[in-house]
Structures are given as C-alpha cells and as structure tokens.
Amino acid sequence: MKKLILLILVPIFLQAQIEQGQVKLFDSSEELVPLRKTSRTIGKCCQLGKAMSKISGGMSDVYLTQSELNEDGSYTIFFVSAFMIGFDTELTQYGVENPTAKISSFHLADEEKFNRLNELMVNGYKEFRAHAIVKRIKYADISEVLAGGKNEGDKLLLRFHNKKIIKYVSFQLFEKENGNKTSSRPIFSKFIGQLFGSTEIIDTNW
C-alpha cells in the first residue's frame, strides 16, 4: 500500500517541482519588449547567398545591411562593421554607438537618393569584372547620394572585390570632420536588390 501511495505521490511532487521552476520562453524579444522605432524596414541585404550557405555550413546565412524608410520621407541605411551569428535582425534597435553590435549608418534625404544608391550599386556590380584566379579590388565614389542628408559632406565609397568568380560589395563611410572610416563586411553582390525591397537577383556575366 505504501509503495502504491509513493508511486502516486512522487510523480505529482516531481511535476509540482518542475512547474515551480519553469521559465516561460519566447521566440522573439518583440513578444516581451515592443520594437522602439518609427521607421519601416524596406529591405535587408544580404545573405552571402543561400547557395553559399551550404559551403559555409550555414554561417553566411545572416543579414548584414538594412534599409529603413523614416516618417519624414528620408532613408537610413544601417550596415555592420562586425556581425556575429545570433544578433537580432532589427539593426535599428542597437543604435549606431553600440560597441557590441558595431553598427554604422548613413542617411539619405529622399526617395530619389535612395533609388540613385540602388542604381549605382547595381551598375557598379555589373561594371566590376571578377577574375577566376586573381582577386581584384575596386572602389567607386558614390558620395553624391549623401547630398541633402545628415551625412552630407562625408565620403561614401563602394568597395568591390571577388573571390574567384564570386563578387562582393561593401560600404565605406569616411566622416568629414575627422576622416574616421566605418566599413561593412561584404555582401553577396547578386542580392543587392534585397536591400531595396526587391526580390530580383541581378543576372549578369561574371
């Protein structure tokens, strides 16, 4: 009889102990703390490419750059100078001064400058020629897109490089006051469109 009582009571006791120590887990931080932002995400670019994920064991399947449409009609492009797996994909939450996230940004005055940035990135991608053996690096000055925005006077460069026939592009921003440089890690060039809210994959000869 005692054994029967124990067999009944022990599972109940153990279940009570488990429930008492349980912590409720959530899938995202937004379920606990609402996103504090007034902008709307236009696009996120770029995974180094889903095709490249298999080669890298999935480590490249992360977002590196994000574009935001602000309430006043201007745009902010966030980009990371260092990125670790597991960071929240809402780059706006970290702020540009956060030393852990190492996120930088530049500001564009309006949709015209935003579209011009897209045009320059796509044209630069098509112009840059990858080499099957030799690694090449080229730079393009696209500072014109900063005119009228909060970063007017800064220098904004696109840096193109290749590993074999795979092409990459990254931003380099030079502040006008002190010349300090912030640069993002490379994004897989074929997916530039994702930054601008497009699902189109750029198709051009390597």
N, C-alpha and C. Protein backbone atom coordinates (compact mmCIF):
# COMPACT_ATOMS: atom_id res chain seq x y z
N MET A 1 0.83 -1.20 0.00
CA MET A 1 0.00 0.00 0.00
C MET A 1 0.87 1.26 0.00
N LYS A 2 1.93 1.21 0.84
CA LYS A 2 2.85 2.36 0.90
C LYS A 2 3.50 2.60 -0.46
N LYS A 3 3.87 1.48 -1.11
CA LYS A 3 4.51 1.60 -2.43
C LYS A 3 3.55 2.23 -3.43
N LEU A 4 2.28 1.86 -3.34
CA LEU A 4 1.28 2.41 -4.25
C LEU A 4 1.11 3.91 -4.04
N ILE A 5 1.07 4.30 -2.76
CA ILE A 5 0.94 5.73 -2.43
C ILE A 5 2.15 6.50 -2.94
N LEU A 6 3.33 5.91 -2.75
CA LEU A 6 4.57 6.56 -3.23
C LEU A 6 4.56 6.69 -4.74
N LEU A 7 4.11 5.64 -5.42
CA LEU A 7 4.07 5.68 -6.88
C LEU A 7 3.12 6.76 -7.38
N ILE A 8 2.10 7.05 -6.61
CA ILE A 8 1.14 8.11 -7.00
C ILE A 8 1.66 9.48 -6.64
N LEU A 9 2.23 9.63 -5.45
CA LEU A 9 2.63 10.94 -4.92
C LEU A 9 3.93 11.46 -5.53
N VAL A 10 4.89 10.57 -5.79
CA VAL A 10 6.20 11.02 -6.30
C VAL A 10 6.08 11.74 -7.64
N PRO A 11 5.36 11.19 -8.65
CA PRO A 11 5.22 11.93 -9.92
C PRO A 11 4.54 13.29 -9.73
N ILE A 12 3.52 13.32 -8.84
CA ILE A 12 2.83 14.60 -8.58
C ILE A 12 3.79 15.61 -7.98
N PHE A 13 4.61 15.14 -7.03
CA PHE A 13 5.59 16.02 -6.37
C PHE A 13 6.63 16.52 -7.37
N LEU A 14 7.11 15.61 -8.20
CA LEU A 14 8.12 15.99 -9.19
C LEU A 14 7.55 16.99 -10.19
N GLN A 15 6.31 16.77 -10.63
CA GLN A 15 5.67 17.68 -11.58
C GLN A 15 5.52 19.07 -10.96
N ALA A 16 5.15 19.10 -9.68
CA ALA A 16 5.00 20.39 -8.98
C ALA A 16 6.33 21.12 -8.91
N GLN A 17 7.41 20.37 -8.67
CA GLN A 17 8.75 20.97 -8.60
C GLN A 17 9.16 21.55 -9.95
N ILE A 18 8.86 20.80 -11.03
CA ILE A 18 9.21 21.24 -12.38
C ILE A 18 8.47 22.53 -12.71
N GLU A 19 7.12 22.52 -12.42
CA GLU A 19 6.32 23.69 -12.74
C GLU A 19 6.75 24.91 -11.94
N GLN A 20 7.15 24.68 -10.69
CA GLN A 20 7.58 25.78 -9.84
C GLN A 20 8.84 26.45 -10.39
N GLY A 21 9.72 25.68 -11.04
CA GLY A 21 10.98 26.22 -11.54
C GLY A 21 10.95 26.59 -13.01
N GLN A 22 9.79 26.47 -13.66
CA GLN A 22 9.72 26.71 -15.10
C GLN A 22 9.87 28.20 -15.42
N VAL A 23 10.54 28.45 -16.54
CA VAL A 23 10.67 29.79 -17.09
C VAL A 23 9.98 29.79 -18.44
N LYS A 24 9.10 30.73 -18.65
CA LYS A 24 8.40 30.81 -19.94
C LYS A 24 9.32 31.41 -20.97
N LEU A 25 9.49 30.73 -22.09
CA LEU A 25 10.39 31.17 -23.14
C LEU A 25 9.61 31.67 -24.35
N PHE A 26 10.17 32.67 -25.03
CA PHE A 26 9.52 33.28 -26.17
C PHE A 26 10.42 33.17 -27.41
N ASP A 27 9.81 33.23 -28.58
CA ASP A 27 10.55 33.09 -29.83
C ASP A 27 11.29 34.36 -30.23
N SER A 28 10.83 35.51 -29.77
CA SER A 28 11.49 36.77 -30.14
C SER A 28 11.40 37.77 -29.00
N SER A 29 12.32 38.73 -29.00
CA SER A 29 12.31 39.76 -27.97
C SER A 29 11.11 40.68 -28.11
N GLU A 30 10.57 40.79 -29.36
CA GLU A 30 9.44 41.70 -29.59
C GLU A 30 8.19 41.25 -28.83
N GLU A 31 8.10 39.97 -28.46
CA GLU A 31 6.96 39.50 -27.68
C GLU A 31 7.01 40.04 -26.26
N LEU A 32 8.20 40.43 -25.81
CA LEU A 32 8.38 40.94 -24.45
C LEU A 32 8.56 42.45 -24.42
N VAL A 33 9.32 42.96 -25.39
CA VAL A 33 9.57 44.40 -25.48
C VAL A 33 9.26 44.85 -26.90
N PRO A 34 8.27 45.69 -27.10
CA PRO A 34 7.93 46.13 -28.46
C PRO A 34 9.10 46.86 -29.12
N LEU A 35 9.20 46.73 -30.43
CA LEU A 35 10.24 47.44 -31.16
C LEU A 35 10.07 48.94 -30.98
N ARG A 36 11.14 49.60 -30.61
CA ARG A 36 11.11 51.05 -30.44
C ARG A 36 11.68 51.70 -31.70
N LYS A 37 10.86 51.87 -32.70
CA LYS A 37 11.33 52.51 -33.91
C LYS A 37 10.15 53.14 -34.62
N THR A 38 10.45 54.21 -35.33
CA THR A 38 9.39 54.92 -36.05
C THR A 38 9.53 54.72 -37.55
N SER A 39 10.55 53.99 -37.97
CA SER A 39 10.79 53.77 -39.39
C SER A 39 10.20 52.43 -39.83
N ARG A 40 10.15 52.24 -41.14
CA ARG A 40 9.65 50.99 -41.70
C ARG A 40 10.76 50.33 -42.49
N THR A 41 10.99 49.06 -42.23
CA THR A 41 12.05 48.34 -42.92
C THR A 41 11.67 48.10 -44.37
N ILE A 42 12.52 48.58 -45.28
CA ILE A 42 12.30 48.40 -46.72
C ILE A 42 12.90 47.08 -47.18
N GLY A 43 14.12 46.83 -46.78
CA GLY A 43 14.77 45.59 -47.20
C GLY A 43 15.96 45.28 -46.34
N LYS A 44 16.36 44.02 -46.39
CA LYS A 44 17.54 43.56 -45.67
C LYS A 44 18.44 42.83 -46.65
N CYS A 45 19.69 43.22 -46.68
CA CYS A 45 20.64 42.65 -47.61
C CYS A 45 21.97 42.49 -46.88
N CYS A 46 22.66 41.57 -47.07
CA CYS A 46 22.32 40.46 -47.90
C CYS A 46 22.93 39.25 -47.26
N GLN A 47 22.26 38.19 -47.35
CA GLN A 47 22.92 36.96 -47.03
C GLN A 47 24.04 36.82 -48.04
N LEU A 48 25.10 36.20 -47.63
CA LEU A 48 26.17 35.98 -48.59
C LEU A 48 25.67 35.10 -49.73
N GLY A 49 24.41 34.71 -49.63
CA GLY A 49 23.80 33.93 -50.69
C GLY A 49 23.40 32.58 -50.16
N LYS A 50 22.16 32.19 -50.41
CA LYS A 50 21.71 30.89 -49.92
C LYS A 50 22.54 29.77 -50.52
N ALA A 51 23.00 29.98 -51.74
CA ALA A 51 23.84 28.96 -52.37
C ALA A 51 25.16 28.82 -51.62
N MET A 52 25.65 29.94 -51.06
CA MET A 52 26.91 29.90 -50.34
C MET A 52 26.76 29.32 -48.95
N SER A 53 25.52 29.30 -48.44
CA SER A 53 25.31 28.80 -47.08
C SER A 53 25.75 27.36 -46.92
N LYS A 54 25.51 26.56 -47.95
CA LYS A 54 25.90 25.15 -47.87
C LYS A 54 27.42 25.01 -47.77
N ILE A 55 28.12 25.87 -48.51
CA ILE A 55 29.58 25.82 -48.49
C ILE A 55 30.13 26.22 -47.12
N SER A 56 29.49 27.22 -46.51
CA SER A 56 29.99 27.73 -45.23
C SER A 56 29.33 27.06 -44.04
N GLY A 57 28.51 26.05 -44.29
CA GLY A 57 27.84 25.37 -43.20
C GLY A 57 26.74 26.20 -42.57
N GLY A 58 26.19 27.15 -43.34
CA GLY A 58 25.11 27.98 -42.84
C GLY A 58 25.56 29.26 -42.16
N MET A 59 26.86 29.42 -41.95
CA MET A 59 27.36 30.58 -41.21
C MET A 59 27.18 31.88 -41.97
N SER A 60 26.99 31.81 -43.28
CA SER A 60 26.84 33.03 -44.07
C SER A 60 25.38 33.47 -44.20
N ASP A 61 24.47 32.67 -43.67
CA ASP A 61 23.05 32.93 -43.86
C ASP A 61 22.55 33.94 -42.83
N VAL A 62 23.11 35.14 -42.84
CA VAL A 62 22.74 36.19 -41.90
C VAL A 62 22.59 37.51 -42.64
N TYR A 63 21.76 38.41 -42.10
CA TYR A 63 21.59 39.71 -42.69
C TYR A 63 22.71 40.65 -42.25
N LEU A 64 23.19 41.46 -43.16
CA LEU A 64 24.30 42.35 -42.86
C LEU A 64 23.94 43.82 -43.01
N THR A 65 22.96 44.13 -43.81
CA THR A 65 22.63 45.52 -44.09
C THR A 65 21.11 45.68 -44.13
N GLN A 66 20.62 46.83 -43.71
CA GLN A 66 19.18 47.04 -43.62
C GLN A 66 18.83 48.46 -43.99
N SER A 67 17.78 48.65 -44.79
CA SER A 67 17.34 49.99 -45.17
C SER A 67 16.00 50.31 -44.51
N GLU A 68 15.89 51.54 -44.02
CA GLU A 68 14.71 51.98 -43.30
C GLU A 68 14.14 53.25 -43.92
N LEU A 69 12.82 53.28 -44.10
CA LEU A 69 12.12 54.48 -44.54
C LEU A 69 11.63 55.21 -43.30
N ASN A 70 12.11 56.44 -43.10
CA ASN A 70 11.73 57.22 -41.93
C ASN A 70 10.41 57.95 -42.16
N GLU A 71 9.80 58.41 -41.07
CA GLU A 71 8.50 59.08 -41.16
C GLU A 71 8.54 60.36 -41.99
N ASP A 72 9.70 61.01 -42.04
CA ASP A 72 9.81 62.27 -42.79
C ASP A 72 10.13 62.06 -44.26
N GLY A 73 10.14 60.80 -44.71
CA GLY A 73 10.41 60.50 -46.11
C GLY A 73 11.87 60.31 -46.44
N SER A 74 12.74 60.48 -45.45
CA SER A 74 14.17 60.20 -45.65
C SER A 74 14.43 58.72 -45.41
N TYR A 75 15.66 58.30 -45.70
CA TYR A 75 16.03 56.89 -45.55
C TYR A 75 17.31 56.77 -44.72
N THR A 76 17.41 55.67 -43.99
CA THR A 76 18.64 55.36 -43.27
C THR A 76 19.09 53.96 -43.67
N ILE A 77 20.36 53.86 -44.05
CA ILE A 77 20.94 52.56 -44.37
C ILE A 77 21.84 52.15 -43.22
N PHE A 78 21.49 51.06 -42.56
CA PHE A 78 22.31 50.53 -41.48
C PHE A 78 23.22 49.45 -42.04
N PHE A 79 24.46 49.44 -41.59
CA PHE A 79 25.36 48.37 -42.00
C PHE A 79 26.29 48.02 -40.86
N VAL A 80 26.77 46.83 -40.88
CA VAL A 80 27.56 46.33 -39.75
C VAL A 80 29.03 46.22 -40.10
N SER A 81 29.88 46.69 -39.20
CA SER A 81 31.31 46.54 -39.37
C SER A 81 31.79 45.23 -38.77
N ALA A 82 30.95 44.63 -37.93
CA ALA A 82 31.23 43.29 -37.40
C ALA A 82 29.89 42.65 -37.09
N PHE A 83 29.76 41.39 -37.36
CA PHE A 83 28.47 40.74 -37.19
C PHE A 83 28.68 39.34 -36.65
N MET A 84 27.91 38.97 -35.65
CA MET A 84 28.03 37.64 -35.07
C MET A 84 26.69 36.91 -35.20
N ILE A 85 26.75 35.62 -35.41
CA ILE A 85 25.54 34.82 -35.50
C ILE A 85 24.73 35.00 -34.21
N GLY A 86 23.43 35.19 -34.37
CA GLY A 86 22.59 35.31 -33.19
C GLY A 86 22.13 36.73 -32.91
N PHE A 87 22.69 37.73 -33.60
CA PHE A 87 22.22 39.09 -33.41
C PHE A 87 20.79 39.22 -33.93
N ASP A 88 20.02 40.07 -33.28
CA ASP A 88 18.68 40.38 -33.75
C ASP A 88 18.76 40.96 -35.16
N THR A 89 17.79 40.63 -36.00
CA THR A 89 17.83 41.14 -37.37
C THR A 89 17.35 42.58 -37.47
N GLU A 90 16.75 43.12 -36.41
CA GLU A 90 16.32 44.52 -36.42
C GLU A 90 17.50 45.39 -36.03
N LEU A 91 18.30 45.77 -37.00
CA LEU A 91 19.52 46.52 -36.70
C LEU A 91 19.22 47.86 -36.05
N THR A 92 18.04 48.42 -36.31
CA THR A 92 17.69 49.73 -35.77
C THR A 92 17.65 49.72 -34.25
N GLN A 93 17.46 48.57 -33.65
CA GLN A 93 17.32 48.50 -32.21
C GLN A 93 18.63 48.76 -31.47
N TYR A 94 19.74 48.55 -32.13
CA TYR A 94 21.01 48.62 -31.44
C TYR A 94 21.56 50.04 -31.35
N GLY A 95 21.30 50.86 -32.35
CA GLY A 95 21.87 52.20 -32.35
C GLY A 95 23.30 52.18 -32.84
N VAL A 96 23.70 53.26 -33.45
CA VAL A 96 25.00 53.26 -34.12
C VAL A 96 26.18 53.33 -33.15
N GLU A 97 25.93 53.69 -31.90
CA GLU A 97 27.03 53.83 -30.95
C GLU A 97 27.27 52.57 -30.12
N ASN A 98 26.43 51.57 -30.31
CA ASN A 98 26.56 50.36 -29.51
C ASN A 98 27.84 49.62 -29.87
N PRO A 99 28.79 49.52 -28.94
CA PRO A 99 30.08 48.90 -29.26
C PRO A 99 29.99 47.39 -29.48
N THR A 100 28.93 46.77 -28.95
CA THR A 100 28.78 45.33 -29.13
C THR A 100 28.32 45.01 -30.54
N ALA A 101 27.32 45.75 -31.02
CA ALA A 101 26.77 45.48 -32.34
C ALA A 101 27.66 46.01 -33.45
N LYS A 102 28.40 47.09 -33.16
CA LYS A 102 29.28 47.71 -34.16
C LYS A 102 28.51 48.03 -35.44
N ILE A 103 27.40 48.70 -35.28
CA ILE A 103 26.56 49.04 -36.42
C ILE A 103 26.76 50.50 -36.78
N SER A 104 26.90 50.77 -38.05
CA SER A 104 27.02 52.13 -38.56
C SER A 104 25.83 52.42 -39.47
N SER A 105 25.71 53.66 -39.89
CA SER A 105 24.60 54.00 -40.77
C SER A 105 24.94 55.24 -41.57
N PHE A 106 24.19 55.47 -42.65
CA PHE A 106 24.24 56.76 -43.32
C PHE A 106 22.82 57.14 -43.73
N HIS A 107 22.60 58.44 -43.86
CA HIS A 107 21.27 58.99 -44.04
C HIS A 107 21.11 59.53 -45.45
N LEU A 108 19.96 59.24 -46.06
CA LEU A 108 19.66 59.72 -47.41
C LEU A 108 18.43 60.63 -47.34
N ALA A 109 18.49 61.75 -48.05
CA ALA A 109 17.49 62.80 -47.91
C ALA A 109 16.10 62.39 -48.37
N ASP A 110 16.01 61.60 -49.44
CA ASP A 110 14.69 61.31 -50.00
C ASP A 110 14.74 60.05 -50.88
N GLU A 111 13.60 59.75 -51.49
CA GLU A 111 13.48 58.55 -52.31
C GLU A 111 14.37 58.62 -53.55
N GLU A 112 14.55 59.83 -54.08
CA GLU A 112 15.42 59.98 -55.25
C GLU A 112 16.84 59.51 -54.96
N LYS A 113 17.36 59.89 -53.79
CA LYS A 113 18.72 59.47 -53.41
C LYS A 113 18.76 57.98 -53.13
N PHE A 114 17.69 57.46 -52.56
CA PHE A 114 17.59 56.04 -52.27
C PHE A 114 17.64 55.23 -53.57
N ASN A 115 16.87 55.66 -54.54
CA ASN A 115 16.85 54.98 -55.84
C ASN A 115 18.18 55.13 -56.57
N ARG A 116 18.82 56.29 -56.39
CA ARG A 116 20.13 56.52 -57.02
C ARG A 116 21.18 55.58 -56.42
N LEU A 117 21.10 55.36 -55.13
CA LEU A 117 22.02 54.42 -54.49
C LEU A 117 21.85 53.03 -55.08
N ASN A 118 20.61 52.62 -55.24
CA ASN A 118 20.32 51.32 -55.86
C ASN A 118 20.94 51.24 -57.25
N GLU A 119 20.74 52.29 -58.04
CA GLU A 119 21.27 52.33 -59.41
C GLU A 119 22.79 52.22 -59.42
N LEU A 120 23.45 52.97 -58.55
CA LEU A 120 24.91 52.96 -58.51
C LEU A 120 25.45 51.60 -58.07
N MET A 121 24.78 50.96 -57.12
CA MET A 121 25.23 49.65 -56.65
C MET A 121 25.08 48.60 -57.74
N VAL A 122 23.94 48.62 -58.43
CA VAL A 122 23.70 47.63 -59.48
C VAL A 122 24.66 47.85 -60.65
N ASN A 123 24.82 49.12 -61.07
CA ASN A 123 25.72 49.42 -62.19
C ASN A 123 27.17 49.09 -61.85
N GLY A 124 27.56 49.37 -60.61
CA GLY A 124 28.91 49.04 -60.17
C GLY A 124 29.15 47.54 -60.16
N TYR A 125 28.13 46.80 -59.73
CA TYR A 125 28.22 45.34 -59.73
C TYR A 125 28.42 44.81 -61.15
N LYS A 126 27.66 45.38 -62.10
CA LYS A 126 27.76 44.91 -63.48
C LYS A 126 29.08 45.33 -64.12
N GLU A 127 29.58 46.49 -63.73
CA GLU A 127 30.83 47.01 -64.31
C GLU A 127 32.05 46.25 -63.81
N PHE A 128 32.01 45.87 -62.54
CA PHE A 128 33.15 45.19 -61.93
C PHE A 128 33.32 43.79 -62.51
N ARG A 129 34.52 43.49 -62.94
CA ARG A 129 34.79 42.19 -63.56
C ARG A 129 35.55 41.29 -62.59
N ALA A 130 34.95 40.17 -62.27
CA ALA A 130 35.63 39.19 -61.42
C ALA A 130 36.58 38.37 -62.26
N HIS A 131 37.64 37.90 -61.63
CA HIS A 131 38.63 37.07 -62.30
C HIS A 131 38.63 35.69 -61.65
N ALA A 132 38.73 34.68 -62.47
CA ALA A 132 38.66 33.31 -61.96
C ALA A 132 39.82 32.95 -61.03
N ILE A 133 40.95 33.64 -61.17
CA ILE A 133 42.14 33.31 -60.37
C ILE A 133 42.58 34.50 -59.51
N VAL A 134 42.67 35.67 -60.14
CA VAL A 134 43.22 36.85 -59.45
C VAL A 134 42.12 37.56 -58.66
N LYS A 135 42.43 37.89 -57.39
CA LYS A 135 41.49 38.67 -56.58
C LYS A 135 41.66 40.15 -56.93
N ARG A 136 40.57 40.80 -57.30
CA ARG A 136 40.61 42.20 -57.65
C ARG A 136 39.84 43.01 -56.61
N ILE A 137 40.27 44.26 -56.41
CA ILE A 137 39.56 45.19 -55.53
C ILE A 137 39.43 46.52 -56.26
N LYS A 138 38.21 47.04 -56.32
CA LYS A 138 37.94 48.33 -56.95
C LYS A 138 37.05 49.15 -56.04
N TYR A 139 37.16 50.49 -56.18
CA TYR A 139 36.36 51.40 -55.36
C TYR A 139 35.58 52.36 -56.26
N ALA A 140 34.38 52.74 -55.82
CA ALA A 140 33.58 53.73 -56.53
C ALA A 140 33.12 54.78 -55.53
N ASP A 141 33.27 56.06 -55.89
CA ASP A 141 32.83 57.16 -55.04
C ASP A 141 31.35 57.42 -55.32
N ILE A 142 30.50 57.17 -54.34
CA ILE A 142 29.06 57.39 -54.52
C ILE A 142 28.55 58.44 -53.53
N SER A 143 29.44 59.38 -53.16
CA SER A 143 29.10 60.40 -52.16
C SER A 143 27.93 61.27 -52.58
N GLU A 144 27.62 61.29 -53.87
CA GLU A 144 26.52 62.12 -54.37
C GLU A 144 25.19 61.78 -53.71
N VAL A 145 25.02 60.53 -53.28
CA VAL A 145 23.73 60.14 -52.68
C VAL A 145 23.53 60.76 -51.30
N LEU A 146 24.60 61.29 -50.71
CA LEU A 146 24.51 61.89 -49.37
C LEU A 146 24.05 63.34 -49.41
N ALA A 147 23.98 63.95 -50.59
CA ALA A 147 23.60 65.36 -50.72
C ALA A 147 22.22 65.60 -50.13
N GLY A 148 22.12 66.60 -49.27
CA GLY A 148 20.85 66.97 -48.65
C GLY A 148 20.51 66.17 -47.41
N GLY A 149 21.27 65.13 -47.13
CA GLY A 149 21.00 64.31 -45.95
C GLY A 149 21.90 64.68 -44.79
N LYS A 150 21.76 63.98 -43.69
CA LYS A 150 22.53 64.28 -42.47
C LYS A 150 24.01 63.95 -42.61
N ASN A 151 24.36 63.15 -43.62
CA ASN A 151 25.76 62.81 -43.84
C ASN A 151 26.39 63.60 -44.98
N GLU A 152 25.74 64.66 -45.40
CA GLU A 152 26.27 65.46 -46.49
C GLU A 152 27.67 65.96 -46.13
N GLY A 153 28.60 65.81 -47.07
CA GLY A 153 29.99 66.20 -46.82
C GLY A 153 30.89 65.02 -46.49
N ASP A 154 30.28 63.93 -46.02
CA ASP A 154 31.05 62.70 -45.80
C ASP A 154 31.38 62.07 -47.15
N LYS A 155 32.31 61.14 -47.13
CA LYS A 155 32.64 60.37 -48.32
C LYS A 155 32.05 58.98 -48.18
N LEU A 156 31.32 58.55 -49.19
CA LEU A 156 30.76 57.21 -49.18
C LEU A 156 31.29 56.45 -50.39
N LEU A 157 31.95 55.34 -50.13
CA LEU A 157 32.54 54.54 -51.20
C LEU A 157 31.91 53.16 -51.24
N LEU A 158 31.85 52.60 -52.43
CA LEU A 158 31.55 51.19 -52.59
C LEU A 158 32.87 50.46 -52.84
N ARG A 159 33.06 49.38 -52.15
CA ARG A 159 34.26 48.57 -52.34
C ARG A 159 33.84 47.24 -52.95
N PHE A 160 34.33 46.97 -54.15
CA PHE A 160 34.03 45.73 -54.85
C PHE A 160 35.25 44.81 -54.79
N HIS A 161 35.01 43.55 -54.51
CA HIS A 161 36.11 42.59 -54.62
C HIS A 161 35.54 41.22 -54.97
N ASN A 162 36.40 40.33 -55.35
CA ASN A 162 35.95 39.00 -55.74
C ASN A 162 36.84 37.91 -55.15
N LYS A 163 36.24 36.79 -54.92
CA LYS A 163 36.98 35.56 -54.62
C LYS A 163 36.62 34.60 -55.73
N LYS A 164 37.60 34.38 -56.60
CA LYS A 164 37.36 33.65 -57.84
C LYS A 164 36.28 34.41 -58.62
N ILE A 165 35.16 33.76 -58.95
CA ILE A 165 34.15 34.47 -59.74
C ILE A 165 33.01 35.01 -58.87
N ILE A 166 33.09 34.83 -57.55
CA ILE A 166 32.05 35.33 -56.66
C ILE A 166 32.35 36.78 -56.31
N LYS A 167 31.39 37.67 -56.59
CA LYS A 167 31.61 39.10 -56.38
C LYS A 167 30.93 39.58 -55.09
N TYR A 168 31.60 40.52 -54.43
CA TYR A 168 31.10 41.08 -53.18
C TYR A 168 31.19 42.60 -53.23
N VAL A 169 30.35 43.25 -52.42
CA VAL A 169 30.40 44.71 -52.32
C VAL A 169 30.19 45.10 -50.86
N SER A 170 30.85 46.18 -50.44
CA SER A 170 30.65 46.69 -49.09
C SER A 170 30.71 48.21 -49.11
N PHE A 171 30.16 48.83 -48.07
CA PHE A 171 30.20 50.28 -47.92
C PHE A 171 31.43 50.71 -47.14
N GLN A 172 31.96 51.88 -47.46
CA GLN A 172 32.98 52.52 -46.62
C GLN A 172 32.57 53.98 -46.48
N LEU A 173 32.38 54.41 -45.25
CA LEU A 173 31.97 55.79 -44.97
C LEU A 173 33.10 56.52 -44.25
N PHE A 174 33.49 57.66 -44.80
CA PHE A 174 34.53 58.49 -44.19
C PHE A 174 33.89 59.78 -43.68
N GLU A 175 33.98 60.01 -42.38
CA GLU A 175 33.36 61.21 -41.79
C GLU A 175 34.15 62.45 -42.16
N LYS A 176 33.43 63.51 -42.51
CA LYS A 176 34.10 64.73 -42.99
C LYS A 176 34.89 65.43 -41.89
N GLU A 177 34.43 65.36 -40.64
CA GLU A 177 35.07 66.10 -39.56
C GLU A 177 36.43 65.53 -39.18
N ASN A 178 36.50 64.22 -39.06
CA ASN A 178 37.73 63.60 -38.53
C ASN A 178 38.35 62.57 -39.48
N GLY A 179 37.66 62.26 -40.57
CA GLY A 179 38.20 61.28 -41.51
C GLY A 179 38.06 59.84 -41.06
N ASN A 180 37.41 59.62 -39.93
CA ASN A 180 37.22 58.25 -39.45
C ASN A 180 36.45 57.42 -40.47
N LYS A 181 36.81 56.16 -40.57
CA LYS A 181 36.19 55.27 -41.54
C LYS A 181 35.39 54.18 -40.85
N THR A 182 34.19 53.94 -41.35
CA THR A 182 33.44 52.75 -40.94
C THR A 182 33.15 51.95 -42.19
N SER A 183 33.27 50.66 -42.10
CA SER A 183 33.05 49.83 -43.29
C SER A 183 32.32 48.56 -42.90
N SER A 184 31.48 48.10 -43.81
CA SER A 184 30.72 46.88 -43.56
C SER A 184 31.47 45.68 -44.09
N ARG A 185 31.07 44.53 -43.60
CA ARG A 185 31.60 43.31 -44.18
C ARG A 185 30.91 43.10 -45.52
N PRO A 186 31.50 42.36 -46.42
CA PRO A 186 30.96 42.25 -47.78
C PRO A 186 29.61 41.54 -47.82
N ILE A 187 28.81 41.99 -48.77
CA ILE A 187 27.55 41.32 -49.05
C ILE A 187 27.66 40.66 -50.41
N PHE A 188 26.92 39.59 -50.59
CA PHE A 188 26.95 38.84 -51.83
C PHE A 188 26.25 39.68 -52.90
N SER A 189 26.96 40.11 -53.92
CA SER A 189 26.51 41.18 -54.81
C SER A 189 25.22 40.88 -55.57
N LYS A 190 24.99 39.64 -55.90
CA LYS A 190 23.80 39.32 -56.70
C LYS A 190 22.51 39.66 -55.96
N PHE A 191 22.60 39.81 -54.64
CA PHE A 191 21.41 40.02 -53.83
C PHE A 191 21.25 41.48 -53.40
N ILE A 192 21.91 42.40 -54.09
CA ILE A 192 21.81 43.82 -53.78
C ILE A 192 20.35 44.27 -53.71
N GLY A 193 19.53 43.77 -54.62
CA GLY A 193 18.13 44.19 -54.69
C GLY A 193 17.37 44.03 -53.39
N GLN A 194 17.75 43.06 -52.58
CA GLN A 194 17.05 42.83 -51.32
C GLN A 194 17.11 44.04 -50.40
N LEU A 195 18.19 44.80 -50.49
CA LEU A 195 18.35 46.00 -49.66
C LEU A 195 17.28 47.04 -50.00
N PHE A 196 16.80 46.99 -51.23
CA PHE A 196 15.85 47.99 -51.71
C PHE A 196 14.44 47.43 -51.83
N GLY A 197 14.20 46.31 -51.18
CA GLY A 197 12.86 45.73 -51.15
C GLY A 197 12.51 44.92 -52.37
N SER A 198 13.48 44.54 -53.17
CA SER A 198 13.23 43.76 -54.38
C SER A 198 13.71 42.33 -54.19
N THR A 199 12.97 41.41 -54.78
CA THR A 199 13.39 40.00 -54.72
C THR A 199 14.20 39.61 -55.95
N GLU A 200 14.41 40.57 -56.86
CA GLU A 200 15.14 40.28 -58.09
C GLU A 200 16.60 39.97 -57.80
N ILE A 201 17.08 38.92 -58.43
CA ILE A 201 18.51 38.59 -58.35
C ILE A 201 19.18 39.10 -59.61
N ILE A 202 20.20 39.91 -59.44
CA ILE A 202 20.86 40.52 -60.58
C ILE A 202 21.55 39.44 -61.38
N ASP A 203 21.28 39.44 -62.67
CA ASP A 203 21.88 38.43 -63.54
C ASP A 203 22.78 39.15 -64.56
N THR A 204 24.03 38.85 -64.51
CA THR A 204 24.98 39.46 -65.43
C THR A 204 26.17 38.54 -65.59
N ASN A 205 26.93 38.73 -66.63
CA ASN A 205 28.14 37.93 -66.83
C ASN A 205 29.14 38.26 -65.74
N TRP A 206 29.80 37.21 -65.23
CA TRP A 206 30.80 37.41 -64.19
C TRP A 206 31.99 38.14 -64.75
